[in-house]
PDB file of N, CA and C in Angstrom:
ATOM      1  N   MET A   1      84.110  -6.476-123.067  1.00  0.00           N
ATOM      2  CA  MET A   1      85.192  -5.837-123.776  1.00  0.00           C
ATOM      3  C   MET A   1      86.186  -6.909-124.221  1.00  0.00           C
ATOM      4  N   GLU A   2      86.482  -6.919-125.481  1.00  0.00           N
ATOM      5  CA  GLU A   2      87.421  -7.900-126.031  1.00  0.00           C
ATOM      6  C   GLU A   2      88.840  -7.346-125.967  1.00  0.00           C
ATOM      7  N   VAL A   3      89.748  -8.179-125.519  1.00  0.00           N
ATOM      8  CA  VAL A   3      91.151  -7.781-125.440  1.00  0.00           C
ATOM      9  C   VAL A   3      91.891  -8.439-126.595  1.00  0.00           C
ATOM     10  N   VAL A   4      92.628  -7.638-127.327  1.00  0.00           N
ATOM     11  CA  VAL A   4      93.367  -8.140-128.484  1.00  0.00           C
ATOM     12  C   VAL A   4      94.842  -8.211-128.131  1.00  0.00           C
ATOM     13  N   GLN A   5      95.447  -9.367-128.378  1.00  0.00           N
ATOM     14  CA  GLN A   5      96.869  -9.526-128.124  1.00  0.00           C
ATOM     15  C   GLN A   5      97.662  -8.895-129.248  1.00  0.00           C
ATOM     16  N   LEU A   6      98.701  -8.184-128.892  1.00  0.00           N
ATOM     17  CA  LEU A   6      99.542  -7.552-129.895  1.00  0.00           C
ATOM     18  C   LEU A   6     100.379  -8.598-130.613  1.00  0.00           C
ATOM     19  N   PRO A   7     100.603  -8.422-131.908  1.00  0.00           N
ATOM     20  CA  PRO A   7     101.421  -9.394-132.651  1.00  0.00           C
ATOM     21  C   PRO A   7     102.804  -9.577-132.046  1.00  0.00           C
ATOM     22  N   SER A   8     103.400  -8.507-131.545  1.00  0.00           N
ATOM     23  CA  SER A   8     104.741  -8.634-130.981  1.00  0.00           C
ATOM     24  C   SER A   8     104.734  -9.522-129.735  1.00  0.00           C
ATOM     25  N   GLU A   9     103.651  -9.471-128.963  1.00  0.00           N
ATOM     26  CA  GLU A   9     103.556 -10.346-127.795  1.00  0.00           C
ATOM     27  C   GLU A   9     103.426 -11.800-128.238  1.00  0.00           C
ATOM     28  N   ASN A  10     102.600 -12.035-129.252  1.00  0.00           N
ATOM     29  CA  ASN A  10     102.459 -13.397-129.776  1.00  0.00           C
ATOM     30  C   ASN A  10     103.795 -13.928-130.273  1.00  0.00           C
ATOM     31  N   GLN A  11     104.513 -13.104-130.996  1.00  0.00           N
ATOM     32  CA  GLN A  11     105.817 -13.522-131.514  1.00  0.00           C
ATOM     33  C   GLN A  11     106.776 -13.830-130.374  1.00  0.00           C
ATOM     34  N   ALA A  12     106.779 -12.992-129.353  1.00  0.00           N
ATOM     35  CA  ALA A  12     107.674 -13.204-128.218  1.00  0.00           C
ATOM     36  C   ALA A  12     107.342 -14.515-127.509  1.00  0.00           C
ATOM     37  N   ARG A  13     106.052 -14.775-127.316  1.00  0.00           N
ATOM     38  CA  ARG A  13     105.667 -16.014-126.635  1.00  0.00           C
ATOM     39  C   ARG A  13     106.007 -17.248-127.480  1.00  0.00           C
ATOM     40  N   ARG A  14     105.869 -17.144-128.805  1.00  0.00           N
ATOM     41  CA  ARG A  14     106.259 -18.256-129.682  1.00  0.00           C
ATOM     42  C   ARG A  14     107.762 -18.510-129.605  1.00  0.00           C
ATOM     43  N   LYS A  15     108.531 -17.440-129.582  1.00  0.00           N
ATOM     44  CA  LYS A  15     109.990 -17.585-129.489  1.00  0.00           C
ATOM     45  C   LYS A  15     110.399 -18.195-128.152  1.00  0.00           C
ATOM     46  N   ILE A  16     109.726 -17.813-127.093  1.00  0.00           N
ATOM     47  CA  ILE A  16     110.018 -18.387-125.775  1.00  0.00           C
ATOM     48  C   ILE A  16     109.700 -19.874-125.771  1.00  0.00           C
ATOM     49  N   ARG A  17     108.547 -20.260-126.337  1.00  0.00           N
ATOM     50  CA  ARG A  17     108.197 -21.690-126.403  1.00  0.00           C
ATOM     51  C   ARG A  17     109.216 -22.460-127.233  1.00  0.00           C
ATOM     52  N   ALA A  18     109.636 -21.880-128.351  1.00  0.00           N
ATOM     53  CA  ALA A  18     110.627 -22.540-129.208  1.00  0.00           C
ATOM     54  C   ALA A  18     111.961 -22.674-128.479  1.00  0.00           C
ATOM     55  N   ALA A  19     112.351 -21.651-127.752  1.00  0.00           N
ATOM     56  CA  ALA A  19     113.611 -21.713-127.002  1.00  0.00           C
ATOM     57  C   ALA A  19     113.540 -22.784-125.920  1.00  0.00           C
ATOM     58  N   ARG A  20     112.395 -22.894-125.249  1.00  0.00           N
ATOM     59  CA  ARG A  20     112.246 -23.941-124.220  1.00  0.00           C
ATOM     60  C   ARG A  20     112.351 -25.338-124.842  1.00  0.00           C
ATOM     61  N   ALA A  21     111.748 -25.522-125.997  1.00  0.00           N
ATOM     62  CA  ALA A  21     111.828 -26.820-126.678  1.00  0.00           C
ATOM     63  C   ALA A  21     113.271 -27.122-127.070  1.00  0.00           C
ATOM     64  N   TYR A  22     113.979 -26.114-127.550  1.00  0.00           N
ATOM     65  CA  TYR A  22     115.384 -26.293-127.936  1.00  0.00           C
ATOM     66  C   TYR A  22     116.243 -26.632-126.717  1.00  0.00           C
ATOM     67  N   ILE A  23     115.977 -25.972-125.596  1.00  0.00           N
ATOM     68  CA  ILE A  23     116.712 -26.264-124.362  1.00  0.00           C
ATOM     69  C   ILE A  23     116.483 -27.710-123.946  1.00  0.00           C
ATOM     70  N   GLU A  24     115.243 -28.175-124.023  1.00  0.00           N
ATOM     71  CA  GLU A  24     114.958 -29.569-123.658  1.00  0.00           C
ATOM     72  C   GLU A  24     115.692 -30.545-124.571  1.00  0.00           C
ATOM     73  N   THR A  25     115.768 -30.227-125.856  1.00  0.00           N
ATOM     74  CA  THR A  25     116.512 -31.071-126.795  1.00  0.00           C
ATOM     75  C   THR A  25     117.983 -31.105-126.409  1.00  0.00           C
ATOM     76  N   LEU A  26     118.546 -29.949-126.097  1.00  0.00           N
ATOM     77  CA  LEU A  26     119.960 -29.892-125.705  1.00  0.00           C
ATOM     78  C   LEU A  26     120.212 -30.652-124.408  1.00  0.00           C
ATOM     79  N   ARG A  27     119.268 -30.607-123.477  1.00  0.00           N
ATOM     80  CA  ARG A  27     119.423 -31.358-122.220  1.00  0.00           C
ATOM     81  C   ARG A  27     119.577 -32.857-122.497  1.00  0.00           C
ATOM     82  N   ARG A  28     118.779 -33.357-123.434  1.00  0.00           N
ATOM     83  CA  ARG A  28     118.854 -34.790-123.745  1.00  0.00           C
ATOM     84  C   ARG A  28     120.139 -35.134-124.493  1.00  0.00           C
ATOM     85  N   MET A  29     120.590 -34.218-125.339  1.00  0.00           N
ATOM     86  CA  MET A  29     121.771 -34.488-126.153  1.00  0.00           C
ATOM     87  C   MET A  29     123.075 -34.316-125.372  1.00  0.00           C
ATOM     88  N   HIS A  30     123.089 -33.400-124.398  1.00  0.00           N
ATOM     89  CA  HIS A  30     124.319 -33.068-123.669  1.00  0.00           C
ATOM     90  C   HIS A  30     124.056 -33.074-122.165  1.00  0.00           C
ATOM     91  N   PRO A  31     124.076 -34.239-121.542  1.00  0.00           N
ATOM     92  CA  PRO A  31     123.790 -34.299-120.104  1.00  0.00           C
ATOM     93  C   PRO A  31     124.969 -33.866-119.224  1.00  0.00           C
ATOM     94  N   ASP A  32     125.988 -33.249-119.801  1.00  0.00           N
ATOM     95  CA  ASP A  32     127.151 -32.773-119.054  1.00  0.00           C
ATOM     96  C   ASP A  32     126.725 -31.689-118.052  1.00  0.00           C
ATOM     97  N   ALA A  33     127.324 -31.714-116.859  1.00  0.00           N
ATOM     98  CA  ALA A  33     126.926 -30.800-115.786  1.00  0.00           C
ATOM     99  C   ALA A  33     127.105 -29.332-116.172  1.00  0.00           C
ATOM    100  N   ASP A  34     128.219 -28.994-116.832  1.00  0.00           N
ATOM    101  CA  ASP A  34     128.449 -27.600-117.222  1.00  0.00           C
ATOM    102  C   ASP A  34     127.391 -27.128-118.214  1.00  0.00           C
ATOM    103  N   VAL A  35     127.059 -27.980-119.150  1.00  0.00           N
ATOM    104  CA  VAL A  35     126.040 -27.636-120.142  1.00  0.00           C
ATOM    105  C   VAL A  35     124.691 -27.471-119.454  1.00  0.00           C
ATOM    106  N   LEU A  36     124.376 -28.370-118.528  1.00  0.00           N
ATOM    107  CA  LEU A  36     123.092 -28.293-117.831  1.00  0.00           C
ATOM    108  C   LEU A  36     122.980 -27.007-117.011  1.00  0.00           C
ATOM    109  N   ARG A  37     124.079 -26.593-116.371  1.00  0.00           N
ATOM    110  CA  ARG A  37     124.048 -25.336-115.609  1.00  0.00           C
ATOM    111  C   ARG A  37     123.772 -24.151-116.534  1.00  0.00           C
ATOM    112  N   SER A  38     124.412 -24.169-117.677  1.00  0.00           N
ATOM    113  CA  SER A  38     124.191 -23.098-118.650  1.00  0.00           C
ATOM    114  C   SER A  38     122.741 -23.094-119.135  1.00  0.00           C
ATOM    115  N   LEU A  39     122.203 -24.277-119.402  1.00  0.00           N
ATOM    116  CA  LEU A  39     120.814 -24.376-119.858  1.00  0.00           C
ATOM    117  C   LEU A  39     119.849 -23.926-118.767  1.00  0.00           C
ATOM    118  N   ASP A  40     120.162 -24.271-117.514  1.00  0.00           N
ATOM    119  CA  ASP A  40     119.325 -23.819-116.395  1.00  0.00           C
ATOM    120  C   ASP A  40     119.298 -22.290-116.331  1.00  0.00           C
ATOM    121  N   ARG A  41     120.466 -21.679-116.512  1.00  0.00           N
ATOM    122  CA  ARG A  41     120.553 -20.219-116.484  1.00  0.00           C
ATOM    123  C   ARG A  41     119.722 -19.608-117.626  1.00  0.00           C
ATOM    124  N   GLN A  42     119.842 -20.197-118.799  1.00  0.00           N
ATOM    125  CA  GLN A  42     119.072 -19.693-119.939  1.00  0.00           C
ATOM    126  C   GLN A  42     117.572 -19.866-119.717  1.00  0.00           C
ATOM    127  N   GLU A  43     117.205 -20.969-119.080  1.00  0.00           N
ATOM    128  CA  GLU A  43     115.782 -21.194-118.810  1.00  0.00           C
ATOM    129  C   GLU A  43     115.257 -20.183-117.787  1.00  0.00           C
ATOM    130  N   ARG A  44     116.078 -19.837-116.797  1.00  0.00           N
ATOM    131  CA  ARG A  44     115.667 -18.803-115.833  1.00  0.00           C
ATOM    132  C   ARG A  44     115.463 -17.460-116.536  1.00  0.00           C
ATOM    133  N   GLU A  45     116.332 -17.161-117.498  1.00  0.00           N
ATOM    134  CA  GLU A  45     116.176 -15.922-118.265  1.00  0.00           C
ATOM    135  C   GLU A  45     114.862 -15.936-119.051  1.00  0.00           C
ATOM    136  N   LEU A  46     114.520 -17.099-119.609  1.00  0.00           N
ATOM    137  CA  LEU A  46     113.239 -17.216-120.311  1.00  0.00           C
ATOM    138  C   LEU A  46     112.075 -17.021-119.347  1.00  0.00           C
ATOM    139  N   ASP A  47     112.204 -17.570-118.131  1.00  0.00           N
ATOM    140  CA  ASP A  47     111.164 -17.386-117.113  1.00  0.00           C
ATOM    141  C   ASP A  47     110.964 -15.901-116.815  1.00  0.00           C
ATOM    142  N   GLU A  48     112.082 -15.165-116.706  1.00  0.00           N
ATOM    143  CA  GLU A  48     111.993 -13.732-116.435  1.00  0.00           C
ATOM    144  C   GLU A  48     111.319 -12.991-117.589  1.00  0.00           C
ATOM    145  N   LEU A  49     111.677 -13.344-118.808  1.00  0.00           N
ATOM    146  CA  LEU A  49     111.053 -12.710-119.972  1.00  0.00           C
ATOM    147  C   LEU A  49     109.554 -12.989-120.008  1.00  0.00           C
ATOM    148  N   GLU A  50     109.192 -14.230-119.723  1.00  0.00           N
ATOM    149  CA  GLU A  50     107.778 -14.594-119.729  1.00  0.00           C
ATOM    150  C   GLU A  50     107.021 -13.856-118.620  1.00  0.00           C
ATOM    151  N   ALA A  51     107.655 -13.709-117.461  1.00  0.00           N
ATOM    152  CA  ALA A  51     107.025 -12.978-116.360  1.00  0.00           C
ATOM    153  C   ALA A  51     106.816 -11.511-116.738  1.00  0.00           C
ATOM    154  N   MET A  52     107.778 -10.921-117.447  1.00  0.00           N
ATOM    155  CA  MET A  52     107.616  -9.539-117.903  1.00  0.00           C
ATOM    156  C   MET A  52     106.443  -9.422-118.867  1.00  0.00           C
ATOM    157  N   LEU A  53     106.312 -10.389-119.773  1.00  0.00           N
ATOM    158  CA  LEU A  53     105.178 -10.377-120.698  1.00  0.00           C
ATOM    159  C   LEU A  53     103.859 -10.505-119.945  1.00  0.00           C
ATOM    160  N   ASP A  54     103.834 -11.377-118.930  1.00  0.00           N
ATOM    161  CA  ASP A  54     102.615 -11.563-118.140  1.00  0.00           C
ATOM    162  C   ASP A  54     102.238 -10.277-117.404  1.00  0.00           C
ATOM    163  N   ARG A  55     103.246  -9.600-116.818  1.00  0.00           N
ATOM    164  CA  ARG A  55     102.964  -8.346-116.112  1.00  0.00           C
ATOM    165  C   ARG A  55     102.441  -7.292-117.083  1.00  0.00           C
ATOM    166  N   ALA A  56     103.054  -7.204-118.239  1.00  0.00           N
ATOM    167  CA  ALA A  56     102.593  -6.240-119.244  1.00  0.00           C
ATOM    168  C   ALA A  56     101.170  -6.572-119.675  1.00  0.00           C
ATOM    169  N   ASP A  57     100.877  -7.857-119.820  1.00  0.00           N
ATOM    170  CA  ASP A  57      99.534  -8.291-120.202  1.00  0.00           C
ATOM    171  C   ASP A  57      98.525  -7.911-119.124  1.00  0.00           C
ATOM    172  N   ASP A  58      98.907  -8.069-117.847  1.00  0.00           N
ATOM    173  CA  ASP A  58      98.019  -7.692-116.745  1.00  0.00           C
ATOM    174  C   ASP A  58      97.734  -6.197-116.761  1.00  0.00           C
ATOM    175  N   ILE A  59      98.752  -5.398-117.071  1.00  0.00           N
ATOM    176  CA  ILE A  59      98.570  -3.947-117.113  1.00  0.00           C
ATOM    177  C   ILE A  59      97.610  -3.573-118.233  1.00  0.00           C
ATOM    178  N   VAL A  60      97.780  -4.192-119.381  1.00  0.00           N
ATOM    179  CA  VAL A  60      96.916  -3.892-120.525  1.00  0.00           C
ATOM    180  C   VAL A  60      95.479  -4.298-120.239  1.00  0.00           C
ATOM    181  N   ARG A  61      95.296  -5.415-119.559  1.00  0.00           N
ATOM    182  CA  ARG A  61      93.951  -5.927-119.299  1.00  0.00           C
ATOM    183  C   ARG A  61      93.278  -5.274-118.098  1.00  0.00           C
ATOM    184  N   ALA A  62      94.035  -4.572-117.269  1.00  0.00           N
ATOM    185  CA  ALA A  62      93.471  -3.966-116.063  1.00  0.00           C
ATOM    186  C   ALA A  62      92.479  -2.872-116.446  1.00  0.00           C
ATOM    187  N   PRO A  63      91.346  -2.830-115.749  1.00  0.00           N
ATOM    188  CA  PRO A  63      90.378  -1.779-116.062  1.00  0.00           C
ATOM    189  C   PRO A  63      90.935  -0.411-115.657  1.00  0.00           C
ATOM    190  N   SER A  64      90.563   0.598-116.385  1.00  0.00           N
ATOM    191  CA  SER A  64      91.034   1.947-116.077  1.00  0.00           C
ATOM    192  C   SER A  64      90.349   2.455-114.811  1.00  0.00           C
ATOM    193  N   ALA A  65      90.962   3.433-114.172  1.00  0.00           N
ATOM    194  CA  ALA A  65      90.380   4.028-112.970  1.00  0.00           C
ATOM    195  C   ALA A  65      89.032   4.666-113.302  1.00  0.00           C
ATOM    196  N   ARG A  66      88.935   5.289-114.467  1.00  0.00           N
ATOM    197  CA  ARG A  66      87.668   5.910-114.874  1.00  0.00           C
ATOM    198  C   ARG A  66      86.574   4.856-115.010  1.00  0.00           C
ATOM    199  N   HIS A  67      86.907   3.739-115.650  1.00  0.00           N
ATOM    200  CA  HIS A  67      85.932   2.658-115.817  1.00  0.00           C
ATOM    201  C   HIS A  67      85.462   2.159-114.452  1.00  0.00           C
ATOM    202  N   LEU A  68      86.380   1.997-113.509  1.00  0.00           N
ATOM    203  CA  LEU A  68      86.005   1.529-112.171  1.00  0.00           C
ATOM    204  C   LEU A  68      85.106   2.539-111.467  1.00  0.00           C
ATOM    205  N   ARG A  69      85.415   3.833-111.582  1.00  0.00           N
ATOM    206  CA  ARG A  69      84.568   4.864-110.957  1.00  0.00           C
ATOM    207  C   ARG A  69      83.159   4.847-111.537  1.00  0.00           C
ATOM    208  N   GLU A  70      83.074   4.649-112.850  1.00  0.00           N
ATOM    209  CA  GLU A  70      81.763   4.669-113.505  1.00  0.00           C
ATOM    210  C   GLU A  70      80.942   3.422-113.199  1.00  0.00           C
ATOM    211  N   THR A  71      81.582   2.295-113.057  1.00  0.00           N
ATOM    212  CA  THR A  71      80.847   1.046-112.853  1.00  0.00           C
ATOM    213  C   THR A  71      80.685   0.671-111.382  1.00  0.00           C
ATOM    214  N   HIS A  72      81.539   1.222-110.508  1.00  0.00           N
ATOM    215  CA  HIS A  72      81.473   0.910-109.073  1.00  0.00           C
ATOM    216  C   HIS A  72      81.556   2.197-108.253  1.00  0.00           C
ATOM    217  N   PRO A  73      80.497   3.023-108.306  1.00  0.00           N
ATOM    218  CA  PRO A  73      80.552   4.281-107.548  1.00  0.00           C
ATOM    219  C   PRO A  73      80.620   4.005-106.049  1.00  0.00           C
ATOM    220  N   VAL A  74      81.300   4.889-105.362  1.00  0.00           N
ATOM    221  CA  VAL A  74      81.479   4.722-103.906  1.00  0.00           C
ATOM    222  C   VAL A  74      80.290   5.251-103.164  1.00  0.00           C
TER     223      VAL A  74
END
């Protein structure tokens, strides 16, 4: 069974990657402690968003209960 990624998920993951790259650029440009704390907080938020996408992806890819009953009878 082929799993197709939704365009919105692809877009979200691209935006997260772009935001991480931008954060890294800002870290190099502004090594000030206050700025770094803010960037760390923003990066944690990106981690949470990515984790939500991963959980949603796991749910979509999980086999249905019916499929499991049919392929693995007790």
